[in-house]
Amino acid sequence: MTPATVRTIPTSWYVDRDVLGREQQLVLAPGWSYVGDARAVAESGTFLAASLGHLPIVVTRDRDGELRALANVCRHRGAVVAEGCGRRSTLQCPYHGWTYLLDGSLHRAPGMEAPEGTRLPQLAVATVGPLLFACADPAAEPLAPLLAPFGELVRDIAGIDVETVERRRRIEHVIDANWKAVVENFIECYHCALVHATTLPGFGSEEYAVELQGRLQTQRLDEARFAFAFLYPNTLVSAYGDGGAIVARALAPAGPGRTTVALDYWFEPRVPEGEADEWIAWFESVIAEDVPLCESVQVGYESRAIDRGLLHPVREAGLAHFHRLLRDDLGDGMVDDRAD
């Protein structure tokens, strides 16, 4: 047996509020994140509020038909400007009535003149079929090349045309665990044979393939017509050819020991509602097996009984890769006394 000699990041990173603050700024906000259904902003005059880590954003389709992502924070006193989604020609802050056009420019500041050029900062936005993504860095690496290897798997292994899928349902979970612990559970199948033996037969077997490609991890199981992508730092997308289904997951920390997970269930038009409901119930049963594991890990980390974990060098190579990316993004300001 190959010895488990790969050490994890310090467990203190899963419980420390200051670490989370650095992650919000340096890891979560700058990364591409799944946001929701691009069809909500398909027409001019529409908007959709969302978030990138701790950063509130609003995605708009302005009067010229351009898709934009904007920081959803009023330039006056910092209140969140827009909530929900819908159709409007302007976005008005509910605090003092400062009003912005859908291109982000300031339209009106009641009783005063704001400095010239005042506007909501523009961010990066992209779509993959009807799946909507955003990034706080307006100069971010384009999304399409990043996700291209996964797109090939969805087409060739799952046989799904992403352009045609429809979102049928969103289900949100609150998990009492650090966001990294939740990510790590979802990106490794070392636990699958034990935990998901009935719900995911064959997952985690020798035929289960994992590839690490920069900020993208892909996984596949050909016999199950399954393809998976983890887009660092917090976006996961699964494709199941037999169900005609795509599940897009966006994770956001709600504190050092709590994570919200939004799951959007997309299906090919051919899938009847009844079959989609049954498929969603099955997938939710898999999630129900995972949640207590994440929460158990958090209890262990908060006990301080373990300082660093040990990873299987092959079966958990994806976790080691995730940790390397985290170290790179967080930089020298982190105390990490690894001695691998």
C-alpha atoms as a PDB file:
ATOM      1  CA  MET A   1       0.000   0.000   0.000  1.00  0.00           C
ATOM      2  CA  THR A   2       1.246   3.483  -0.830  1.00  0.00           C
ATOM      3  CA  PRO A   3       2.031   5.331   2.416  1.00  0.00           C
ATOM      4  CA  ALA A   4      -0.096   8.377   3.192  1.00  0.00           C
ATOM      5  CA  THR A   5       2.602  11.036   3.486  1.00  0.00           C
ATOM      6  CA  VAL A   6       0.930  14.145   2.045  1.00  0.00           C
ATOM      7  CA  ARG A   7       0.048  16.620   4.770  1.00  0.00           C
ATOM      8  CA  THR A   8      -2.978  18.919   4.652  1.00  0.00           C
ATOM      9  CA  ILE A   9      -3.180  22.617   5.345  1.00  0.00           C
ATOM     10  CA  PRO A  10      -3.369  23.413   9.088  1.00  0.00           C
ATOM     11  CA  THR A  11      -6.733  22.609  10.641  1.00  0.00           C
ATOM     12  CA  SER A  12      -6.684  26.095  12.197  1.00  0.00           C
ATOM     13  CA  TRP A  13      -7.486  27.417   8.715  1.00  0.00           C
ATOM     14  CA  TYR A  14     -10.934  25.827   9.047  1.00  0.00           C
ATOM     15  CA  VAL A  15     -11.858  27.581  12.292  1.00  0.00           C
ATOM     16  CA  ASP A  16     -10.073  30.953  12.272  1.00  0.00           C
ATOM     17  CA  ARG A  17     -12.161  34.005  11.361  1.00  0.00           C
ATOM     18  CA  ASP A  18      -9.085  35.957  10.262  1.00  0.00           C
ATOM     19  CA  VAL A  19      -8.189  33.207   7.785  1.00  0.00           C
ATOM     20  CA  LEU A  20     -11.706  33.384   6.386  1.00  0.00           C
ATOM     21  CA  GLY A  21     -11.322  37.141   5.948  1.00  0.00           C
ATOM     22  CA  ARG A  22      -8.194  36.627   3.856  1.00  0.00           C
ATOM     23  CA  GLU A  23      -9.928  33.913   1.833  1.00  0.00           C
ATOM     24  CA  GLN A  24     -12.868  36.202   1.098  1.00  0.00           C
ATOM     25  CA  GLN A  25     -10.516  38.821  -0.328  1.00  0.00           C
ATOM     26  CA  LEU A  26      -7.799  36.706  -1.952  1.00  0.00           C
ATOM     27  CA  VAL A  27      -9.494  33.433  -2.913  1.00  0.00           C
ATOM     28  CA  LEU A  28     -13.266  33.609  -3.230  1.00  0.00           C
ATOM     29  CA  ALA A  29     -13.987  37.032  -4.729  1.00  0.00           C
ATOM     30  CA  PRO A  30     -11.308  36.853  -7.481  1.00  0.00           C
ATOM     31  CA  GLY A  31     -12.327  33.352  -8.665  1.00  0.00           C
ATOM     32  CA  TRP A  32     -14.954  32.489 -11.262  1.00  0.00           C
ATOM     33  CA  SER A  33     -18.139  31.413  -9.471  1.00  0.00           C
ATOM     34  CA  TYR A  34     -21.378  29.906 -10.681  1.00  0.00           C
ATOM     35  CA  VAL A  35     -24.200  32.414 -10.144  1.00  0.00           C
ATOM     36  CA  GLY A  36     -27.438  31.035 -11.570  1.00  0.00           C
ATOM     37  CA  ASP A  37     -29.672  31.059 -14.633  1.00  0.00           C
ATOM     38  CA  ALA A  38     -28.524  33.373 -17.422  1.00  0.00           C
ATOM     39  CA  ARG A  39     -32.041  33.364 -18.817  1.00  0.00           C
ATOM     40  CA  ALA A  40     -33.055  35.597 -15.894  1.00  0.00           C
ATOM     41  CA  VAL A  41     -31.061  38.357 -17.613  1.00  0.00           C
ATOM     42  CA  ALA A  42     -31.639  37.374 -21.228  1.00  0.00           C
ATOM     43  CA  GLU A  43     -33.564  40.534 -22.143  1.00  0.00           C
ATOM     44  CA  SER A  44     -32.671  44.208 -21.897  1.00  0.00           C
ATOM     45  CA  GLY A  45     -33.842  45.797 -18.665  1.00  0.00           C
ATOM     46  CA  THR A  46     -33.386  42.729 -16.446  1.00  0.00           C
ATOM     47  CA  PHE A  47     -31.221  42.133 -13.380  1.00  0.00           C
ATOM     48  CA  LEU A  48     -30.217  39.337 -10.995  1.00  0.00           C
ATOM     49  CA  ALA A  49     -28.644  39.896  -7.563  1.00  0.00           C
ATOM     50  CA  ALA A  50     -26.123  37.327  -6.294  1.00  0.00           C
ATOM     51  CA  SER A  51     -22.831  37.200  -4.387  1.00  0.00           C
ATOM     52  CA  LEU A  52     -19.175  36.292  -4.840  1.00  0.00           C
ATOM     53  CA  GLY A  53     -18.006  35.207  -1.429  1.00  0.00           C
ATOM     54  CA  HIS A  54     -18.634  38.278   0.729  1.00  0.00           C
ATOM     55  CA  LEU A  55     -19.095  40.595  -2.282  1.00  0.00           C
ATOM     56  CA  PRO A  56     -22.709  41.347  -3.285  1.00  0.00           C
ATOM     57  CA  ILE A  57     -23.061  41.597  -7.058  1.00  0.00           C
ATOM     58  CA  VAL A  58     -25.813  42.330  -9.523  1.00  0.00           C
ATOM     59  CA  VAL A  59     -25.860  40.987 -13.068  1.00  0.00           C
ATOM     60  CA  THR A  60     -27.722  43.169 -15.562  1.00  0.00           C
ATOM     61  CA  ARG A  61     -28.675  43.327 -19.219  1.00  0.00           C
ATOM     62  CA  ASP A  62     -28.511  47.033 -20.028  1.00  0.00           C
ATOM     63  CA  ARG A  63     -30.503  49.002 -22.594  1.00  0.00           C
ATOM     64  CA  ASP A  64     -27.919  48.178 -25.286  1.00  0.00           C
ATOM     65  CA  GLY A  65     -28.288  44.471 -24.597  1.00  0.00           C
ATOM     66  CA  GLU A  66     -24.871  44.101 -22.974  1.00  0.00           C
ATOM     67  CA  LEU A  67     -24.519  41.594 -20.151  1.00  0.00           C
ATOM     68  CA  ARG A  68     -22.737  43.095 -17.149  1.00  0.00           C
ATOM     69  CA  ALA A  69     -21.762  42.151 -13.612  1.00  0.00           C
ATOM     70  CA  LEU A  70     -21.499  45.007 -11.129  1.00  0.00           C
ATOM     71  CA  ALA A  71     -20.538  45.393  -7.487  1.00  0.00           C
ATOM     72  CA  ASN A  72     -23.929  45.669  -5.787  1.00  0.00           C
ATOM     73  CA  VAL A  73     -22.768  48.211  -3.188  1.00  0.00           C
ATOM     74  CA  CYS A  74     -23.924  51.825  -3.255  1.00  0.00           C
ATOM     75  CA  ARG A  75     -21.126  54.351  -3.741  1.00  0.00           C
ATOM     76  CA  HIS A  76     -22.794  56.655  -1.204  1.00  0.00           C
ATOM     77  CA  ARG A  77     -22.749  54.785   2.110  1.00  0.00           C
ATOM     78  CA  GLY A  78     -22.245  51.163   1.116  1.00  0.00           C
ATOM     79  CA  ALA A  79     -25.761  49.740   1.285  1.00  0.00           C
ATOM     80  CA  VAL A  80     -26.721  46.827  -0.972  1.00  0.00           C
ATOM     81  CA  VAL A  81     -28.560  48.315  -3.938  1.00  0.00           C
ATOM     82  CA  ALA A  82     -30.517  45.489  -5.597  1.00  0.00           C
ATOM     83  CA  GLU A  83     -32.159  42.323  -4.296  1.00  0.00           C
ATOM     84  CA  GLY A  84     -33.780  39.394  -6.085  1.00  0.00           C
ATOM     85  CA  CYS A  85     -34.291  39.566  -9.830  1.00  0.00           C
ATOM     86  CA  GLY A  86     -36.680  41.160 -12.255  1.00  0.00           C
ATOM     87  CA  ARG A  87     -37.094  43.902 -14.813  1.00  0.00           C
ATOM     88  CA  ARG A  88     -36.168  47.561 -14.221  1.00  0.00           C
ATOM     89  CA  SER A  89     -34.657  50.450 -16.148  1.00  0.00           C
ATOM     90  CA  THR A  90     -32.703  51.596 -13.070  1.00  0.00           C
ATOM     91  CA  LEU A  91     -31.513  50.220  -9.730  1.00  0.00           C
ATOM     92  CA  GLN A  92     -32.304  52.337  -6.686  1.00  0.00           C
ATOM     93  CA  CYS A  93     -30.541  52.040  -3.343  1.00  0.00           C
ATOM     94  CA  PRO A  94     -33.229  51.612  -0.645  1.00  0.00           C
ATOM     95  CA  TYR A  95     -31.305  53.724   1.892  1.00  0.00           C
ATOM     96  CA  HIS A  96     -31.120  57.213   0.359  1.00  0.00           C
ATOM     97  CA  GLY A  97     -32.430  56.698  -3.161  1.00  0.00           C
ATOM     98  CA  TRP A  98     -29.208  56.887  -5.133  1.00  0.00           C
ATOM     99  CA  THR A  99     -30.141  55.457  -8.516  1.00  0.00           C
ATOM    100  CA  TYR A 100     -27.990  53.691 -11.101  1.00  0.00           C
ATOM    101  CA  LEU A 101     -28.539  52.767 -14.728  1.00  0.00           C
ATOM    102  CA  LEU A 102     -28.120  49.101 -15.631  1.00  0.00           C
ATOM    103  CA  ASP A 103     -24.668  49.845 -17.039  1.00  0.00           C
ATOM    104  CA  GLY A 104     -23.611  50.840 -13.515  1.00  0.00           C
ATOM    105  CA  SER A 105     -23.423  54.594 -14.061  1.00  0.00           C
ATOM    106  CA  LEU A 106     -24.958  56.894 -11.459  1.00  0.00           C
ATOM    107  CA  HIS A 107     -28.262  58.311 -12.700  1.00  0.00           C
ATOM    108  CA  ARG A 108     -29.393  60.379  -9.723  1.00  0.00           C
ATOM    109  CA  ALA A 109     -28.206  61.341  -6.229  1.00  0.00           C
ATOM    110  CA  PRO A 110     -31.110  63.153  -4.478  1.00  0.00           C
ATOM    111  CA  GLY A 111     -30.235  66.697  -3.440  1.00  0.00           C
ATOM    112  CA  MET A 112     -26.553  66.575  -4.411  1.00  0.00           C
ATOM    113  CA  GLU A 113     -24.051  66.082  -7.182  1.00  0.00           C
ATOM    114  CA  ALA A 114     -21.747  63.110  -6.878  1.00  0.00           C
ATOM    115  CA  PRO A 115     -18.223  63.238  -8.315  1.00  0.00           C
ATOM    116  CA  GLU A 116     -18.099  62.785 -12.061  1.00  0.00           C
ATOM    117  CA  GLY A 117     -17.671  59.164 -13.106  1.00  0.00           C
ATOM    118  CA  THR A 118     -19.355  57.731 -10.009  1.00  0.00           C
ATOM    119  CA  ARG A 119     -20.567  54.226 -10.894  1.00  0.00           C
ATOM    120  CA  LEU A 120     -20.911  50.703  -9.603  1.00  0.00           C
ATOM    121  CA  PRO A 121     -17.591  48.924 -10.318  1.00  0.00           C
ATOM    122  CA  GLN A 122     -17.760  46.513 -13.232  1.00  0.00           C
ATOM    123  CA  LEU A 123     -16.751  42.879 -12.752  1.00  0.00           C
ATOM    124  CA  ALA A 124     -16.300  39.930 -15.108  1.00  0.00           C
ATOM    125  CA  VAL A 125     -19.261  37.885 -16.331  1.00  0.00           C
ATOM    126  CA  ALA A 126     -19.616  34.912 -18.673  1.00  0.00           C
ATOM    127  CA  THR A 127     -22.076  32.223 -19.692  1.00  0.00           C
ATOM    128  CA  VAL A 128     -21.799  28.550 -20.583  1.00  0.00           C
ATOM    129  CA  GLY A 129     -25.064  27.832 -22.318  1.00  0.00           C
ATOM    130  CA  PRO A 130     -27.662  29.122 -19.836  1.00  0.00           C
ATOM    131  CA  LEU A 131     -25.310  28.744 -16.835  1.00  0.00           C
ATOM    132  CA  LEU A 132     -24.184  32.124 -15.535  1.00  0.00           C
ATOM    133  CA  PHE A 133     -20.779  32.836 -13.971  1.00  0.00           C
ATOM    134  CA  ALA A 134     -19.139  35.945 -12.515  1.00  0.00           C
ATOM    135  CA  CYS A 135     -15.773  37.006 -11.143  1.00  0.00           C
ATOM    136  CA  ALA A 136     -14.712  40.050  -9.114  1.00  0.00           C
ATOM    137  CA  ASP A 137     -11.602  40.550 -11.246  1.00  0.00           C
ATOM    138  CA  PRO A 138     -12.622  42.341 -14.468  1.00  0.00           C
ATOM    139  CA  ALA A 139      -9.339  41.202 -16.039  1.00  0.00           C
ATOM    140  CA  ALA A 140      -9.806  37.545 -15.063  1.00  0.00           C
ATOM    141  CA  GLU A 141      -8.681  34.731 -17.318  1.00  0.00           C
ATOM    142  CA  PRO A 142     -11.532  34.020 -19.772  1.00  0.00           C
ATOM    143  CA  LEU A 143     -13.895  31.336 -18.522  1.00  0.00           C
ATOM    144  CA  ALA A 144     -14.422  29.447 -21.782  1.00  0.00           C
ATOM    145  CA  PRO A 145     -10.855  28.073 -22.095  1.00  0.00           C
ATOM    146  CA  LEU A 146     -10.839  27.186 -18.391  1.00  0.00           C
ATOM    147  CA  LEU A 147     -13.968  25.042 -18.698  1.00  0.00           C
ATOM    148  CA  ALA A 148     -13.267  23.663 -22.175  1.00  0.00           C
ATOM    149  CA  PRO A 149     -11.978  20.254 -20.937  1.00  0.00           C
ATOM    150  CA  PHE A 150     -15.163  19.773 -18.925  1.00  0.00           C
ATOM    151  CA  GLY A 151     -17.294  20.830 -21.878  1.00  0.00           C
ATOM    152  CA  GLU A 152     -15.712  18.040 -23.907  1.00  0.00           C
ATOM    153  CA  LEU A 153     -16.535  15.502 -21.189  1.00  0.00           C
ATOM    154  CA  VAL A 154     -20.145  16.681 -20.978  1.00  0.00           C
ATOM    155  CA  ARG A 155     -20.503  16.231 -24.714  1.00  0.00           C
ATOM    156  CA  ASP A 156     -18.493  13.044 -25.209  1.00  0.00           C
ATOM    157  CA  ILE A 157     -19.161  11.135 -21.960  1.00  0.00           C
ATOM    158  CA  ALA A 158     -22.532  12.403 -20.737  1.00  0.00           C
ATOM    159  CA  GLY A 159     -23.879  13.170 -24.207  1.00  0.00           C
ATOM    160  CA  ILE A 160     -25.605  16.360 -23.012  1.00  0.00           C
ATOM    161  CA  ASP A 161     -25.929  19.545 -25.058  1.00  0.00           C
ATOM    162  CA  VAL A 162     -25.429  22.275 -22.445  1.00  0.00           C
ATOM    163  CA  GLU A 163     -27.069  24.856 -24.692  1.00  0.00           C
ATOM    164  CA  THR A 164     -30.432  23.092 -24.369  1.00  0.00           C
ATOM    165  CA  VAL A 165     -30.717  22.437 -20.623  1.00  0.00           C
ATOM    166  CA  GLU A 166     -33.384  24.081 -18.483  1.00  0.00           C
ATOM    167  CA  ARG A 167     -33.205  24.862 -14.786  1.00  0.00           C
ATOM    168  CA  ARG A 168     -36.010  23.043 -13.003  1.00  0.00           C
ATOM    169  CA  ARG A 169     -35.225  23.668  -9.340  1.00  0.00           C
ATOM    170  CA  ARG A 170     -32.873  25.301  -6.837  1.00  0.00           C
ATOM    171  CA  ILE A 171     -32.328  23.716  -3.406  1.00  0.00           C
ATOM    172  CA  GLU A 172     -30.203  25.383  -0.750  1.00  0.00           C
ATOM    173  CA  HIS A 173     -28.453  23.698   2.163  1.00  0.00           C
ATOM    174  CA  VAL A 174     -26.748  25.151   5.221  1.00  0.00           C
ATOM    175  CA  ILE A 175     -23.914  22.922   6.396  1.00  0.00           C
ATOM    176  CA  ASP A 176     -22.217  23.403   9.766  1.00  0.00           C
ATOM    177  CA  ALA A 177     -18.709  23.123   8.365  1.00  0.00           C
ATOM    178  CA  ASN A 178     -16.047  25.382   6.891  1.00  0.00           C
ATOM    179  CA  TRP A 179     -16.432  25.956   3.150  1.00  0.00           C
ATOM    180  CA  LYS A 180     -13.131  24.195   2.431  1.00  0.00           C
ATOM    181  CA  ALA A 181     -14.262  21.051   4.244  1.00  0.00           C
ATOM    182  CA  VAL A 182     -17.388  21.025   2.086  1.00  0.00           C
ATOM    183  CA  VAL A 183     -15.402  21.513  -1.123  1.00  0.00           C
ATOM    184  CA  GLU A 184     -13.030  18.729  -0.126  1.00  0.00           C
ATOM    185  CA  ASN A 185     -15.870  16.300   0.478  1.00  0.00           C
ATOM    186  CA  PHE A 186     -17.348  16.995  -2.948  1.00  0.00           C
ATOM    187  CA  ILE A 187     -14.074  16.713  -4.892  1.00  0.00           C
ATOM    188  CA  GLU A 188     -12.847  13.342  -3.628  1.00  0.00           C
ATOM    189  CA  CYS A 189     -14.345   9.908  -4.111  1.00  0.00           C
ATOM    190  CA  TYR A 190     -12.040   8.113  -1.667  1.00  0.00           C
ATOM    191  CA  HIS A 191     -15.098   7.912   0.617  1.00  0.00           C
ATOM    192  CA  CYS A 192     -17.552   6.844  -2.102  1.00  0.00           C
ATOM    193  CA  ALA A 193     -17.173   3.072  -1.811  1.00  0.00           C
ATOM    194  CA  LEU A 194     -17.932   3.222   1.923  1.00  0.00           C
ATOM    195  CA  VAL A 195     -20.451   6.049   2.169  1.00  0.00           C
ATOM    196  CA  HIS A 196     -22.200   5.928  -1.223  1.00  0.00           C
ATOM    197  CA  ALA A 197     -22.035   2.206  -1.954  1.00  0.00           C
ATOM    198  CA  THR A 198     -25.780   2.059  -2.660  1.00  0.00           C
ATOM    199  CA  THR A 199     -26.421   5.540  -4.057  1.00  0.00           C
ATOM    200  CA  LEU A 200     -23.273   5.772  -6.236  1.00  0.00           C
ATOM    201  CA  PRO A 201     -22.208   2.212  -7.111  1.00  0.00           C
ATOM    202  CA  GLY A 202     -18.902   2.082  -8.957  1.00  0.00           C
ATOM    203  CA  PHE A 203     -17.842   5.582  -7.975  1.00  0.00           C
ATOM    204  CA  GLY A 204     -14.335   5.645  -6.559  1.00  0.00           C
ATOM    205  CA  SER A 205     -13.372   2.424  -8.353  1.00  0.00           C
ATOM    206  CA  GLU A 206     -10.214   1.978 -10.449  1.00  0.00           C
ATOM    207  CA  GLU A 207     -12.186   3.155 -13.495  1.00  0.00           C
ATOM    208  CA  TYR A 208     -12.940   6.490 -11.818  1.00  0.00           C
ATOM    209  CA  ALA A 209     -10.567   8.980 -13.469  1.00  0.00           C
ATOM    210  CA  VAL A 210      -9.379  12.324 -12.059  1.00  0.00           C
ATOM    211  CA  GLU A 211      -7.392  14.956 -13.959  1.00  0.00           C
ATOM    212  CA  LEU A 212      -5.837  18.135 -12.545  1.00  0.00           C
ATOM    213  CA  GLN A 213      -5.657  21.024 -15.010  1.00  0.00           C
ATOM    214  CA  GLY A 214      -4.593  24.276 -13.377  1.00  0.00           C
ATOM    215  CA  ARG A 215      -7.614  25.755 -11.610  1.00  0.00           C
ATOM    216  CA  LEU A 216      -9.873  23.055 -13.014  1.00  0.00           C
ATOM    217  CA  GLN A 217     -10.248  19.480 -11.783  1.00  0.00           C
ATOM    218  CA  THR A 218     -12.240  17.039 -13.888  1.00  0.00           C
ATOM    219  CA  GLN A 219     -13.521  13.591 -13.000  1.00  0.00           C
ATOM    220  CA  ARG A 220     -15.233  10.948 -15.109  1.00  0.00           C
ATOM    221  CA  LEU A 221     -16.759   7.507 -14.896  1.00  0.00           C
ATOM    222  CA  ASP A 222     -17.490   6.378 -18.408  1.00  0.00           C
ATOM    223  CA  GLU A 223     -19.709   3.421 -17.533  1.00  0.00           C
ATOM    224  CA  ALA A 224     -22.008   5.762 -15.573  1.00  0.00           C
ATOM    225  CA  ARG A 225     -21.874   8.466 -18.290  1.00  0.00           C
ATOM    226  CA  PHE A 226     -20.706  10.810 -15.528  1.00  0.00           C
ATOM    227  CA  ALA A 227     -18.555  13.934 -15.824  1.00  0.00           C
ATOM    228  CA  PHE A 228     -17.594  16.359 -13.073  1.00  0.00           C
ATOM    229  CA  ALA A 229     -15.749  19.664 -12.795  1.00  0.00           C
ATOM    230  CA  PHE A 230     -14.398  21.556  -9.826  1.00  0.00           C
ATOM    231  CA  LEU A 231     -13.598  25.105 -10.849  1.00  0.00           C
ATOM    232  CA  TYR A 232     -11.410  26.556  -8.106  1.00  0.00           C
ATOM    233  CA  PRO A 233     -12.243  27.891  -5.608  1.00  0.00           C
ATOM    234  CA  ASN A 234     -15.940  27.086  -5.004  1.00  0.00           C
ATOM    235  CA  THR A 235     -17.862  25.981  -8.102  1.00  0.00           C
ATOM    236  CA  LEU A 236     -18.798  22.369  -8.854  1.00  0.00           C
ATOM    237  CA  VAL A 237     -20.698  21.095 -11.868  1.00  0.00           C
ATOM    238  CA  SER A 238     -21.783  17.479 -12.432  1.00  0.00           C
ATOM    239  CA  ALA A 239     -23.267  15.949 -15.586  1.00  0.00           C
ATOM    240  CA  TYR A 240     -25.199  12.654 -15.632  1.00  0.00           C
ATOM    241  CA  GLY A 241     -25.951  11.396 -19.116  1.00  0.00           C
ATOM    242  CA  ASP A 242     -28.454   8.732 -18.049  1.00  0.00           C
ATOM    243  CA  GLY A 243     -30.538  11.340 -16.228  1.00  0.00           C
ATOM    244  CA  GLY A 244     -30.100  14.082 -18.814  1.00  0.00           C
ATOM    245  CA  ALA A 245     -29.119  16.205 -15.835  1.00  0.00           C
ATOM    246  CA  ILE A 246     -26.556  18.809 -14.850  1.00  0.00           C
ATOM    247  CA  VAL A 247     -26.130  19.913 -11.235  1.00  0.00           C
ATOM    248  CA  ALA A 248     -24.364  23.222 -10.629  1.00  0.00           C
ATOM    249  CA  ARG A 249     -23.256  23.957  -7.074  1.00  0.00           C
ATOM    250  CA  ALA A 250     -22.078  27.266  -5.637  1.00  0.00           C
ATOM    251  CA  LEU A 251     -20.610  27.332  -2.125  1.00  0.00           C
ATOM    252  CA  ALA A 252     -20.385  30.416   0.068  1.00  0.00           C
ATOM    253  CA  PRO A 253     -19.081  30.704   3.632  1.00  0.00           C
ATOM    254  CA  ALA A 254     -21.553  31.986   6.218  1.00  0.00           C
ATOM    255  CA  GLY A 255     -18.854  32.081   8.882  1.00  0.00           C
ATOM    256  CA  PRO A 256     -15.762  30.002   9.691  1.00  0.00           C
ATOM    257  CA  GLY A 257     -17.889  26.981  10.594  1.00  0.00           C
ATOM    258  CA  ARG A 258     -20.891  27.314   8.308  1.00  0.00           C
ATOM    259  CA  THR A 259     -21.415  27.068   4.550  1.00  0.00           C
ATOM    260  CA  THR A 260     -24.379  27.656   2.291  1.00  0.00           C
ATOM    261  CA  VAL A 261     -24.632  25.436  -0.774  1.00  0.00           C
ATOM    262  CA  ALA A 262     -26.995  26.317  -3.601  1.00  0.00           C
ATOM    263  CA  LEU A 263     -27.721  23.438  -5.985  1.00  0.00           C
ATOM    264  CA  ASP A 264     -29.323  24.218  -9.325  1.00  0.00           C
ATOM    265  CA  TYR A 265     -30.830  21.238 -11.119  1.00  0.00           C
ATOM    266  CA  TRP A 266     -30.756  21.487 -14.904  1.00  0.00           C
ATOM    267  CA  PHE A 267     -32.327  18.961 -17.277  1.00  0.00           C
ATOM    268  CA  GLU A 268     -32.576  18.366 -20.981  1.00  0.00           C
ATOM    269  CA  PRO A 269     -36.025  19.306 -22.327  1.00  0.00           C
ATOM    270  CA  ARG A 270     -36.767  15.617 -23.020  1.00  0.00           C
ATOM    271  CA  VAL A 271     -36.846  14.780 -19.290  1.00  0.00           C
ATOM    272  CA  PRO A 272     -40.452  14.820 -17.934  1.00  0.00           C
ATOM    273  CA  GLU A 273     -41.130  16.657 -14.699  1.00  0.00           C
ATOM    274  CA  GLY A 274     -41.933  13.446 -12.835  1.00  0.00           C
ATOM    275  CA  GLU A 275     -38.620  11.863 -13.813  1.00  0.00           C
ATOM    276  CA  ALA A 276     -36.790  15.066 -12.913  1.00  0.00           C
ATOM    277  CA  ASP A 277     -38.415  15.058  -9.467  1.00  0.00           C
ATOM    278  CA  GLU A 278     -37.350  11.457  -8.873  1.00  0.00           C
ATOM    279  CA  TRP A 279     -33.816  12.205 -10.044  1.00  0.00           C
ATOM    280  CA  ILE A 280     -33.550  15.236  -7.767  1.00  0.00           C
ATOM    281  CA  ALA A 281     -34.760  13.153  -4.824  1.00  0.00           C
ATOM    282  CA  TRP A 282     -32.017  10.614  -5.547  1.00  0.00           C
ATOM    283  CA  PHE A 283     -29.320  13.280  -5.759  1.00  0.00           C
ATOM    284  CA  GLU A 284     -30.530  14.894  -2.555  1.00  0.00           C
ATOM    285  CA  SER A 285     -30.174  11.506  -0.865  1.00  0.00           C
ATOM    286  CA  VAL A 286     -26.491  11.546  -1.868  1.00  0.00           C
ATOM    287  CA  ILE A 287     -26.124  15.035  -0.398  1.00  0.00           C
ATOM    288  CA  ALA A 288     -27.818  13.809   2.786  1.00  0.00           C
ATOM    289  CA  GLU A 289     -25.073  11.190   3.125  1.00  0.00           C
ATOM    290  CA  ASP A 290     -22.369  13.837   2.716  1.00  0.00           C
ATOM    291  CA  VAL A 291     -23.618  16.565   5.055  1.00  0.00           C
ATOM    292  CA  PRO A 292     -22.999  14.752   8.373  1.00  0.00           C
ATOM    293  CA  LEU A 293     -19.497  13.829   7.206  1.00  0.00           C
ATOM    294  CA  CYS A 294     -18.620  17.477   6.580  1.00  0.00           C
ATOM    295  CA  GLU A 295     -20.043  18.449   9.944  1.00  0.00           C
ATOM    296  CA  SER A 296     -18.150  15.641  11.684  1.00  0.00           C
ATOM    297  CA  VAL A 297     -14.882  16.878  10.196  1.00  0.00           C
ATOM    298  CA  GLN A 298     -15.625  20.382  11.473  1.00  0.00           C
ATOM    299  CA  VAL A 299     -16.206  19.051  14.990  1.00  0.00           C
ATOM    300  CA  GLY A 300     -12.830  17.319  14.825  1.00  0.00           C
ATOM    301  CA  TYR A 301     -11.049  20.440  13.608  1.00  0.00           C
ATOM    302  CA  GLU A 302     -12.651  22.657  16.246  1.00  0.00           C
ATOM    303  CA  SER A 303     -11.594  20.208  18.964  1.00  0.00           C
ATOM    304  CA  ARG A 304      -7.946  21.041  18.157  1.00  0.00           C
ATOM    305  CA  ALA A 305      -7.150  17.353  18.600  1.00  0.00           C
ATOM    306  CA  ILE A 306      -5.559  17.320  15.146  1.00  0.00           C
ATOM    307  CA  ASP A 307      -3.145  19.916  13.802  1.00  0.00           C
ATOM    308  CA  ARG A 308      -2.654  18.625  10.268  1.00  0.00           C
ATOM    309  CA  GLY A 309      -4.252  15.759   8.415  1.00  0.00           C
ATOM    310  CA  LEU A 310      -2.672  13.159   6.117  1.00  0.00           C
ATOM    311  CA  LEU A 311      -3.883  12.637   2.552  1.00  0.00           C
ATOM    312  CA  HIS A 312      -3.789   9.546   0.393  1.00  0.00           C
ATOM    313  CA  PRO A 313      -1.230  10.620  -2.218  1.00  0.00           C
ATOM    314  CA  VAL A 314      -3.234   9.147  -5.121  1.00  0.00           C
ATOM    315  CA  ARG A 315      -6.892   8.928  -4.131  1.00  0.00           C
ATOM    316  CA  GLU A 316      -6.839  12.425  -2.617  1.00  0.00           C
ATOM    317  CA  ALA A 317      -4.469  14.096  -5.066  1.00  0.00           C
ATOM    318  CA  GLY A 318      -7.242  16.551  -5.897  1.00  0.00           C
ATOM    319  CA  LEU A 319      -7.330  17.750  -2.286  1.00  0.00           C
ATOM    320  CA  ALA A 320      -3.560  18.250  -2.268  1.00  0.00           C
ATOM    321  CA  HIS A 321      -3.911  20.254  -5.482  1.00  0.00           C
ATOM    322  CA  PHE A 322      -6.686  22.364  -3.899  1.00  0.00           C
ATOM    323  CA  HIS A 323      -4.450  23.064  -0.906  1.00  0.00           C
ATOM    324  CA  ARG A 324      -1.553  24.138  -3.152  1.00  0.00           C
ATOM    325  CA  LEU A 325      -3.793  26.645  -4.910  1.00  0.00           C
ATOM    326  CA  LEU A 326      -5.000  27.983  -1.563  1.00  0.00           C
ATOM    327  CA  ARG A 327      -1.439  28.447  -0.314  1.00  0.00           C
ATOM    328  CA  ASP A 328      -0.488  30.253  -3.512  1.00  0.00           C
ATOM    329  CA  ASP A 329      -3.443  32.636  -3.301  1.00  0.00           C
ATOM    330  CA  LEU A 330      -3.174  33.345   0.416  1.00  0.00           C
ATOM    331  CA  GLY A 331       0.544  34.050   0.145  1.00  0.00           C
ATOM    332  CA  ASP A 332       3.270  34.587   2.682  1.00  0.00           C
ATOM    333  CA  GLY A 333       0.992  36.219   5.256  1.00  0.00           C
ATOM    334  CA  MET A 334      -0.253  32.801   6.322  1.00  0.00           C
ATOM    335  CA  VAL A 335       1.468  30.752   8.981  1.00  0.00           C
ATOM    336  CA  ASP A 336       1.930  27.330   7.444  1.00  0.00           C
ATOM    337  CA  ASP A 337       4.708  25.313   9.048  1.00  0.00           C
ATOM    338  CA  ARG A 338       4.451  22.382   6.670  1.00  0.00           C
ATOM    339  CA  ALA A 339       7.308  19.950   6.659  1.00  0.00           C
ATOM    340  CA  ASP A 340       6.281  17.508   3.963  1.00  0.00           C
END
